[in-house]
Amino acid sequence: NGANVPEPRTFPAKGDKPPRTVYEQKAYANMGGVFPVEFKITHDDHNNAYPIGKYELAPSSYKVNQYGQLELHRFGMKLVPYAEFADKK
C-alpha cells in the first residue's frame, strides 16, 4: 500500500537559511495496547527509509539528560532489525 514510502516535507527558507526538505516515513509501535500506534520517522534522504519489518530501538537511541534522567535521543533515534538486535543479546 506504500505506507512505508517516505513522503517529502519542505520547510520554507528562513532568514539566510535555504528551504529544507525532509522525508517522513510512517511506522507503527507496539505500546502494549490492543492496536499498534502510528508515528513518523524523519529522514534527511528518502534513501535512508527503513524496509518493512520488525525493529527495536538501538541502544544509541537513548541518552542521559542534564538531570541524569534517561530519555530518547530526539534527533539520534535509530532502529535495528529485530532479529539483529535479538542475536546480540
PDB file of N, CA and C in Angstrom:
ATOM      1  N   ASN A   1       0.811  -1.206   0.000  1.00  0.00           N
ATOM      2  CA  ASN A   1       0.000   0.000   0.000  1.00  0.00           C
ATOM      3  C   ASN A   1       0.851   1.266   0.000  1.00  0.00           C
ATOM      4  N   GLY A   2       2.160   1.143   0.100  1.00  0.00           N
ATOM      5  CA  GLY A   2       3.044   2.303   0.022  1.00  0.00           C
ATOM      6  C   GLY A   2       3.180   3.099   1.299  1.00  0.00           C
ATOM      7  N   ALA A   3       2.592   2.623   2.399  1.00  0.00           N
ATOM      8  CA  ALA A   3       2.664   3.368   3.660  1.00  0.00           C
ATOM      9  C   ALA A   3       4.094   3.485   4.169  1.00  0.00           C
ATOM     10  N   ASN A   4       4.974   2.590   3.720  1.00  0.00           N
ATOM     11  CA  ASN A   4       6.363   2.629   4.164  1.00  0.00           C
ATOM     12  C   ASN A   4       7.223   3.593   3.347  1.00  0.00           C
ATOM     13  N   VAL A   5       6.675   4.128   2.255  1.00  0.00           N
ATOM     14  CA  VAL A   5       7.428   5.046   1.391  1.00  0.00           C
ATOM     15  C   VAL A   5       7.427   6.436   2.021  1.00  0.00           C
ATOM     16  N   PRO A   6       8.613   7.018   2.244  1.00  0.00           N
ATOM     17  CA  PRO A   6       8.660   8.333   2.885  1.00  0.00           C
ATOM     18  C   PRO A   6       8.094   9.431   1.989  1.00  0.00           C
ATOM     19  N   GLU A   7       7.405  10.374   2.611  1.00  0.00           N
ATOM     20  CA  GLU A   7       6.832  11.499   1.882  1.00  0.00           C
ATOM     21  C   GLU A   7       7.627  12.756   2.187  1.00  0.00           C
ATOM     22  N   PRO A   8       7.908  13.572   1.161  1.00  0.00           N
ATOM     23  CA  PRO A   8       8.686  14.788   1.397  1.00  0.00           C
ATOM     24  C   PRO A   8       7.896  15.835   2.166  1.00  0.00           C
ATOM     25  N   ARG A   9       8.602  16.566   2.985  1.00  0.00           N
ATOM     26  CA  ARG A   9       8.030  17.705   3.710  1.00  0.00           C
ATOM     27  C   ARG A   9       9.059  18.824   3.626  1.00  0.00           C
ATOM     28  N   THR A  10       8.657  19.946   3.046  1.00  0.00           N
ATOM     29  CA  THR A  10       9.595  21.047   2.834  1.00  0.00           C
ATOM     30  C   THR A  10       9.289  22.194   3.774  1.00  0.00           C
ATOM     31  N   PHE A  11      10.344  22.651   4.435  1.00  0.00           N
ATOM     32  CA  PHE A  11      10.251  23.815   5.309  1.00  0.00           C
ATOM     33  C   PHE A  11      10.735  25.014   4.509  1.00  0.00           C
ATOM     34  N   PRO A  12       9.998  26.127   4.526  1.00  0.00           N
ATOM     35  CA  PRO A  12      10.395  27.286   3.726  1.00  0.00           C
ATOM     36  C   PRO A  12      11.697  27.911   4.224  1.00  0.00           C
ATOM     37  N   ALA A  13      12.306  28.687   3.338  1.00  0.00           N
ATOM     38  CA  ALA A  13      13.524  29.413   3.700  1.00  0.00           C
ATOM     39  C   ALA A  13      13.223  30.326   4.878  1.00  0.00           C
ATOM     40  N   LYS A  14      14.208  30.464   5.751  1.00  0.00           N
ATOM     41  CA  LYS A  14      14.033  31.314   6.929  1.00  0.00           C
ATOM     42  C   LYS A  14      15.318  32.104   7.121  1.00  0.00           C
ATOM     43  N   GLY A  15      15.202  33.416   7.024  1.00  0.00           N
ATOM     44  CA  GLY A  15      16.392  34.252   7.148  1.00  0.00           C
ATOM     45  C   GLY A  15      17.362  33.933   6.026  1.00  0.00           C
ATOM     46  N   ASP A  16      18.606  33.646   6.389  1.00  0.00           N
ATOM     47  CA  ASP A  16      19.609  33.322   5.371  1.00  0.00           C
ATOM     48  C   ASP A  16      19.708  31.813   5.109  1.00  0.00           C
ATOM     49  N   LYS A  17      18.811  31.028   5.717  1.00  0.00           N
ATOM     50  CA  LYS A  17      18.827  29.577   5.514  1.00  0.00           C
ATOM     51  C   LYS A  17      17.925  29.204   4.338  1.00  0.00           C
ATOM     52  N   PRO A  18      18.404  28.309   3.458  1.00  0.00           N
ATOM     53  CA  PRO A  18      17.591  27.894   2.308  1.00  0.00           C
ATOM     54  C   PRO A  18      16.457  26.968   2.750  1.00  0.00           C
ATOM     55  N   PRO A  19      15.484  26.715   1.870  1.00  0.00           N
ATOM     56  CA  PRO A  19      14.428  25.766   2.206  1.00  0.00           C
ATOM     57  C   PRO A  19      15.044  24.390   2.492  1.00  0.00           C
ATOM     58  N   ARG A  20      14.378  23.596   3.308  1.00  0.00           N
ATOM     59  CA  ARG A  20      14.899  22.277   3.678  1.00  0.00           C
ATOM     60  C   ARG A  20      13.806  21.237   3.488  1.00  0.00           C
ATOM     61  N   THR A  21      14.172  20.152   2.839  1.00  0.00           N
ATOM     62  CA  THR A  21      13.231  19.057   2.639  1.00  0.00           C
ATOM     63  C   THR A  21      13.672  17.854   3.459  1.00  0.00           C
ATOM     64  N   VAL A  22      12.741  17.303   4.210  1.00  0.00           N
ATOM     65  CA  VAL A  22      12.967  16.059   4.944  1.00  0.00           C
ATOM     66  C   VAL A  22      11.934  15.057   4.443  1.00  0.00           C
ATOM     67  N   TYR A  23      12.130  13.812   4.795  1.00  0.00           N
ATOM     68  CA  TYR A  23      11.237  12.753   4.337  1.00  0.00           C
ATOM     69  C   TYR A  23      10.677  12.026   5.550  1.00  0.00           C
ATOM     70  N   GLU A  24       9.359  11.993   5.644  1.00  0.00           N
ATOM     71  CA  GLU A  24       8.690  11.367   6.782  1.00  0.00           C
ATOM     72  C   GLU A  24       8.155  10.003   6.378  1.00  0.00           C
ATOM     73  N   GLN A  25       8.517   9.004   7.183  1.00  0.00           N
ATOM     74  CA  GLN A  25       8.086   7.634   6.942  1.00  0.00           C
ATOM     75  C   GLN A  25       7.147   7.210   8.061  1.00  0.00           C
ATOM     76  N   LYS A  26       6.018   6.642   7.694  1.00  0.00           N
ATOM     77  CA  LYS A  26       5.080   6.136   8.702  1.00  0.00           C
ATOM     78  C   LYS A  26       5.610   4.823   9.267  1.00  0.00           C
ATOM     79  N   ALA A  27       5.418   4.663  10.556  1.00  0.00           N
ATOM     80  CA  ALA A  27       5.807   3.425  11.234  1.00  0.00           C
ATOM     81  C   ALA A  27       4.796   3.175  12.342  1.00  0.00           C
ATOM     82  N   TYR A  28       4.857   2.004  12.916  1.00  0.00           N
ATOM     83  CA  TYR A  28       3.920   1.643  13.976  1.00  0.00           C
ATOM     84  C   TYR A  28       4.685   1.059  15.152  1.00  0.00           C
ATOM     85  N   ALA A  29       4.294   1.451  16.352  1.00  0.00           N
ATOM     86  CA  ALA A  29       4.936   0.968  17.575  1.00  0.00           C
ATOM     87  C   ALA A  29       3.933   0.175  18.397  1.00  0.00           C
ATOM     88  N   ASN A  30       4.374  -0.943  18.905  1.00  0.00           N
ATOM     89  CA  ASN A  30       3.555  -1.730  19.817  1.00  0.00           C
ATOM     90  C   ASN A  30       3.790  -1.173  21.213  1.00  0.00           C
ATOM     91  N   MET A  31       2.796  -0.471  21.732  1.00  0.00           N
ATOM     92  CA  MET A  31       2.909   0.177  23.039  1.00  0.00           C
ATOM     93  C   MET A  31       2.216  -0.634  24.134  1.00  0.00           C
ATOM     94  N   GLY A  32       1.846  -1.881  23.818  1.00  0.00           N
ATOM     95  CA  GLY A  32       1.205  -2.738  24.806  1.00  0.00           C
ATOM     96  C   GLY A  32      -0.308  -2.691  24.777  1.00  0.00           C
ATOM     97  N   GLY A  33      -0.870  -1.833  23.929  1.00  0.00           N
ATOM     98  CA  GLY A  33      -2.323  -1.739  23.832  1.00  0.00           C
ATOM     99  C   GLY A  33      -2.878  -2.748  22.843  1.00  0.00           C
ATOM    100  N   VAL A  34      -4.150  -2.593  22.539  1.00  0.00           N
ATOM    101  CA  VAL A  34      -4.826  -3.504  21.620  1.00  0.00           C
ATOM    102  C   VAL A  34      -4.302  -3.342  20.196  1.00  0.00           C
ATOM    103  N   PHE A  35      -4.013  -2.094  19.799  1.00  0.00           N
ATOM    104  CA  PHE A  35      -3.557  -1.815  18.443  1.00  0.00           C
ATOM    105  C   PHE A  35      -2.216  -1.090  18.471  1.00  0.00           C
ATOM    106  N   PRO A  36      -1.398  -1.271  17.425  1.00  0.00           N
ATOM    107  CA  PRO A  36      -0.157  -0.502  17.327  1.00  0.00           C
ATOM    108  C   PRO A  36      -0.473   0.986  17.153  1.00  0.00           C
ATOM    109  N   VAL A  37       0.479   1.831  17.517  1.00  0.00           N
ATOM    110  CA  VAL A  37       0.319   3.277  17.423  1.00  0.00           C
ATOM    111  C   VAL A  37       1.178   3.789  16.267  1.00  0.00           C
ATOM    112  N   GLU A  38       0.572   4.589  15.388  1.00  0.00           N
ATOM    113  CA  GLU A  38       1.314   5.150  14.260  1.00  0.00           C
ATOM    114  C   GLU A  38       2.181   6.310  14.729  1.00  0.00           C
ATOM    115  N   PHE A  39       3.400   6.386  14.186  1.00  0.00           N
ATOM    116  CA  PHE A  39       4.272   7.535  14.417  1.00  0.00           C
ATOM    117  C   PHE A  39       5.079   7.769  13.148  1.00  0.00           C
ATOM    118  N   LYS A  40       5.850   8.830  13.108  1.00  0.00           N
ATOM    119  CA  LYS A  40       6.641   9.165  11.925  1.00  0.00           C
ATOM    120  C   LYS A  40       8.123   9.163  12.261  1.00  0.00           C
ATOM    121  N   ILE A  41       8.909   8.694  11.308  1.00  0.00           N
ATOM    122  CA  ILE A  41      10.362   8.742  11.402  1.00  0.00           C
ATOM    123  C   ILE A  41      10.820   9.714  10.327  1.00  0.00           C
ATOM    124  N   THR A  42      11.663  10.658  10.691  1.00  0.00           N
ATOM    125  CA  THR A  42      12.143  11.662   9.742  1.00  0.00           C
ATOM    126  C   THR A  42      13.529  11.290   9.234  1.00  0.00           C
ATOM    127  N   HIS A  43      13.697  11.375   7.921  1.00  0.00           N
ATOM    128  CA  HIS A  43      14.978  11.093   7.266  1.00  0.00           C
ATOM    129  C   HIS A  43      15.415  12.331   6.488  1.00  0.00           C
ATOM    130  N   ASP A  44      16.727  12.552   6.414  1.00  0.00           N
ATOM    131  CA  ASP A  44      17.252  13.637   5.582  1.00  0.00           C
ATOM    132  C   ASP A  44      17.246  13.249   4.109  1.00  0.00           C
ATOM    133  N   ASP A  45      17.276  11.954   3.832  1.00  0.00           N
ATOM    134  CA  ASP A  45      17.319  11.446   2.461  1.00  0.00           C
ATOM    135  C   ASP A  45      16.309  10.301   2.355  1.00  0.00           C
ATOM    136  N   HIS A  46      15.506  10.299   1.303  1.00  0.00           N
ATOM    137  CA  HIS A  46      14.492   9.246   1.167  1.00  0.00           C
ATOM    138  C   HIS A  46      15.115   7.855   1.030  1.00  0.00           C
ATOM    139  N   ASN A  47      16.379   7.800   0.633  1.00  0.00           N
ATOM    140  CA  ASN A  47      17.066   6.510   0.502  1.00  0.00           C
ATOM    141  C   ASN A  47      17.385   5.872   1.853  1.00  0.00           C
ATOM    142  N   ASN A  48      17.241   6.624   2.942  1.00  0.00           N
ATOM    143  CA  ASN A  48      17.513   6.101   4.279  1.00  0.00           C
ATOM    144  C   ASN A  48      16.286   5.448   4.917  1.00  0.00           C
ATOM    145  N   ALA A  49      15.202   5.343   4.173  1.00  0.00           N
ATOM    146  CA  ALA A  49      13.964   4.763   4.715  1.00  0.00           C
ATOM    147  C   ALA A  49      14.184   3.311   5.130  1.00  0.00           C
ATOM    148  N   TYR A  50      13.489   2.903   6.169  1.00  0.00           N
ATOM    149  CA  TYR A  50      13.581   1.529   6.660  1.00  0.00           C
ATOM    150  C   TYR A  50      12.674   0.625   5.836  1.00  0.00           C
ATOM    151  N   PRO A  51      13.164  -0.557   5.446  1.00  0.00           N
ATOM    152  CA  PRO A  51      12.280  -1.508   4.771  1.00  0.00           C
ATOM    153  C   PRO A  51      11.229  -2.041   5.749  1.00  0.00           C
ATOM    154  N   ILE A  52      10.166  -2.583   5.224  1.00  0.00           N
ATOM    155  CA  ILE A  52       9.125  -3.168   6.070  1.00  0.00           C
ATOM    156  C   ILE A  52       9.739  -4.298   6.893  1.00  0.00           C
ATOM    157  N   GLY A  53       9.436  -4.307   8.180  1.00  0.00           N
ATOM    158  CA  GLY A  53       9.962  -5.347   9.058  1.00  0.00           C
ATOM    159  C   GLY A  53       9.731  -4.990  10.507  1.00  0.00           C
ATOM    160  N   LYS A  54      10.267  -5.801  11.399  1.00  0.00           N
ATOM    161  CA  LYS A  54      10.168  -5.543  12.838  1.00  0.00           C
ATOM    162  C   LYS A  54      11.500  -4.990  13.313  1.00  0.00           C
ATOM    163  N   TYR A  55      11.420  -3.952  14.154  1.00  0.00           N
ATOM    164  CA  TYR A  55      12.618  -3.257  14.616  1.00  0.00           C
ATOM    165  C   TYR A  55      12.568  -3.020  16.114  1.00  0.00           C
ATOM    166  N   GLU A  56      13.745  -2.780  16.677  1.00  0.00           N
ATOM    167  CA  GLU A  56      13.902  -2.356  18.071  1.00  0.00           C
ATOM    168  C   GLU A  56      14.694  -1.056  18.037  1.00  0.00           C
ATOM    169  N   LEU A  57      14.565  -0.266  19.084  1.00  0.00           N
ATOM    170  CA  LEU A  57      15.400   0.928  19.187  1.00  0.00           C
ATOM    171  C   LEU A  57      16.830   0.504  19.472  1.00  0.00           C
ATOM    172  N   ALA A  58      17.777   1.084  18.756  1.00  0.00           N
ATOM    173  CA  ALA A  58      19.193   0.818  19.003  1.00  0.00           C
ATOM    174  C   ALA A  58      19.580   1.445  20.338  1.00  0.00           C
ATOM    175  N   PRO A  59      20.533   0.869  21.050  1.00  0.00           N
ATOM    176  CA  PRO A  59      20.977   1.456  22.321  1.00  0.00           C
ATOM    177  C   PRO A  59      21.425   2.912  22.181  1.00  0.00           C
ATOM    178  N   SER A  60      21.957   3.281  21.017  1.00  0.00           N
ATOM    179  CA  SER A  60      22.404   4.666  20.804  1.00  0.00           C
ATOM    180  C   SER A  60      21.234   5.641  20.695  1.00  0.00           C
ATOM    181  N   SER A  61      20.004   5.138  20.689  1.00  0.00           N
ATOM    182  CA  SER A  61      18.820   5.995  20.602  1.00  0.00           C
ATOM    183  C   SER A  61      18.461   6.650  21.929  1.00  0.00           C
ATOM    184  N   TYR A  62      19.150   6.265  22.979  1.00  0.00           N
ATOM    185  CA  TYR A  62      18.887   6.819  24.311  1.00  0.00           C
ATOM    186  C   TYR A  62      20.051   7.693  24.750  1.00  0.00           C
ATOM    187  N   LYS A  63      19.743   8.650  25.621  1.00  0.00           N
ATOM    188  CA  LYS A  63      20.800   9.468  26.216  1.00  0.00           C
ATOM    189  C   LYS A  63      20.381   9.833  27.634  1.00  0.00           C
ATOM    190  N   VAL A  64      21.335  10.299  28.401  1.00  0.00           N
ATOM    191  CA  VAL A  64      21.066  10.774  29.750  1.00  0.00           C
ATOM    192  C   VAL A  64      21.085  12.296  29.685  1.00  0.00           C
ATOM    193  N   ASN A  65      20.013  12.934  30.156  1.00  0.00           N
ATOM    194  CA  ASN A  65      19.926  14.394  30.072  1.00  0.00           C
ATOM    195  C   ASN A  65      20.711  15.060  31.201  1.00  0.00           C
ATOM    196  N   GLN A  66      20.641  16.391  31.230  1.00  0.00           N
ATOM    197  CA  GLN A  66      21.423  17.152  32.214  1.00  0.00           C
ATOM    198  C   GLN A  66      20.986  16.902  33.652  1.00  0.00           C
ATOM    199  N   TYR A  67      19.826  16.266  33.844  1.00  0.00           N
ATOM    200  CA  TYR A  67      19.335  15.962  35.189  1.00  0.00           C
ATOM    201  C   TYR A  67      19.593  14.507  35.572  1.00  0.00           C
ATOM    202  N   GLY A  68      20.332  13.790  34.718  1.00  0.00           N
ATOM    203  CA  GLY A  68      20.653  12.400  34.998  1.00  0.00           C
ATOM    204  C   GLY A  68      19.537  11.431  34.665  1.00  0.00           C
ATOM    205  N   GLN A  69      18.540  11.878  33.900  1.00  0.00           N
ATOM    206  CA  GLN A  69      17.403  11.027  33.547  1.00  0.00           C
ATOM    207  C   GLN A  69      17.571  10.474  32.137  1.00  0.00           C
ATOM    208  N   LEU A  70      17.136   9.243  31.959  1.00  0.00           N
ATOM    209  CA  LEU A  70      17.194   8.601  30.659  1.00  0.00           C
ATOM    210  C   LEU A  70      16.087   9.157  29.768  1.00  0.00           C
ATOM    211  N   GLU A  71      16.433   9.469  28.534  1.00  0.00           N
ATOM    212  CA  GLU A  71      15.424   9.950  27.587  1.00  0.00           C
ATOM    213  C   GLU A  71      15.779   9.488  26.187  1.00  0.00           C
ATOM    214  N   LEU A  72      14.795   9.572  25.300  1.00  0.00           N
ATOM    215  CA  LEU A  72      15.002   9.224  23.901  1.00  0.00           C
ATOM    216  C   LEU A  72      15.776  10.348  23.233  1.00  0.00           C
ATOM    217  N   HIS A  73      16.803   9.985  22.486  1.00  0.00           N
ATOM    218  CA  HIS A  73      17.610  10.969  21.765  1.00  0.00           C
ATOM    219  C   HIS A  73      16.782  11.450  20.580  1.00  0.00           C
ATOM    220  N   ARG A  74      16.229  12.638  20.682  1.00  0.00           N
ATOM    221  CA  ARG A  74      15.247  13.137  19.715  1.00  0.00           C
ATOM    222  C   ARG A  74      15.742  13.104  18.271  1.00  0.00           C
ATOM    223  N   PHE A  75      16.967  13.533  18.044  1.00  0.00           N
ATOM    224  CA  PHE A  75      17.476  13.589  16.671  1.00  0.00           C
ATOM    225  C   PHE A  75      18.455  12.458  16.374  1.00  0.00           C
ATOM    226  N   GLY A  76      18.576  11.498  17.275  1.00  0.00           N
ATOM    227  CA  GLY A  76      19.504  10.396  17.073  1.00  0.00           C
ATOM    228  C   GLY A  76      18.839   9.041  17.166  1.00  0.00           C
ATOM    229  N   MET A  77      17.514   9.010  16.984  1.00  0.00           N
ATOM    230  CA  MET A  77      16.807   7.740  17.079  1.00  0.00           C
ATOM    231  C   MET A  77      17.186   6.846  15.905  1.00  0.00           C
ATOM    232  N   LYS A  78      17.567   5.619  16.207  1.00  0.00           N
ATOM    233  CA  LYS A  78      17.944   4.665  15.172  1.00  0.00           C
ATOM    234  C   LYS A  78      17.277   3.333  15.481  1.00  0.00           C
ATOM    235  N   LEU A  79      16.814   2.685  14.439  1.00  0.00           N
ATOM    236  CA  LEU A  79      16.188   1.377  14.589  1.00  0.00           C
ATOM    237  C   LEU A  79      17.130   0.302  14.061  1.00  0.00           C
ATOM    238  N   VAL A  80      17.091  -0.864  14.684  1.00  0.00           N
ATOM    239  CA  VAL A  80      17.839  -2.019  14.191  1.00  0.00           C
ATOM    240  C   VAL A  80      16.837  -3.146  13.979  1.00  0.00           C
ATOM    241  N   PRO A  81      17.042  -3.952  12.928  1.00  0.00           N
ATOM    242  CA  PRO A  81      16.119  -5.064  12.698  1.00  0.00           C
ATOM    243  C   PRO A  81      16.012  -5.938  13.938  1.00  0.00           C
ATOM    244  N   TYR A  82      14.828  -6.391  14.235  1.00  0.00           N
ATOM    245  CA  TYR A  82      14.571  -7.162  15.452  1.00  0.00           C
ATOM    246  C   TYR A  82      15.469  -8.389  15.553  1.00  0.00           C
ATOM    247  N   ALA A  83      15.642  -9.131  14.473  1.00  0.00           N
ATOM    248  CA  ALA A  83      16.472 -10.341  14.503  1.00  0.00           C
ATOM    249  C   ALA A  83      17.919  -9.990  14.829  1.00  0.00           C
ATOM    250  N   GLU A  84      18.431  -8.897  14.251  1.00  0.00           N
ATOM    251  CA  GLU A  84      19.807  -8.467  14.509  1.00  0.00           C
ATOM    252  C   GLU A  84      19.972  -8.098  15.976  1.00  0.00           C
ATOM    253  N   PHE A  85      18.990  -7.404  16.523  1.00  0.00           N
ATOM    254  CA  PHE A  85      19.039  -6.996  17.927  1.00  0.00           C
ATOM    255  C   PHE A  85      19.010  -8.231  18.826  1.00  0.00           C
ATOM    256  N   ALA A  86      18.139  -9.164  18.515  1.00  0.00           N
ATOM    257  CA  ALA A  86      17.993 -10.370  19.336  1.00  0.00           C
ATOM    258  C   ALA A  86      19.261 -11.218  19.305  1.00  0.00           C
ATOM    259  N   ASP A  87      19.965 -11.239  18.171  1.00  0.00           N
ATOM    260  CA  ASP A  87      21.197 -12.023  18.050  1.00  0.00           C
ATOM    261  C   ASP A  87      22.308 -11.497  18.945  1.00  0.00           C
ATOM    262  N   LYS A  88      22.282 -10.204  19.281  1.00  0.00           N
ATOM    263  CA  LYS A  88      23.353  -9.592  20.063  1.00  0.00           C
ATOM    264  C   LYS A  88      23.130  -9.695  21.559  1.00  0.00           C
ATOM    265  N   LYS A  89      21.977 -10.191  21.988  1.00  0.00           N
ATOM    266  CA  LYS A  89      21.687 -10.295  23.428  1.00  0.00           C
ATOM    267  C   LYS A  89      22.477 -11.420  24.053  1.00  0.00           C
TER     268      LYS A  89
END
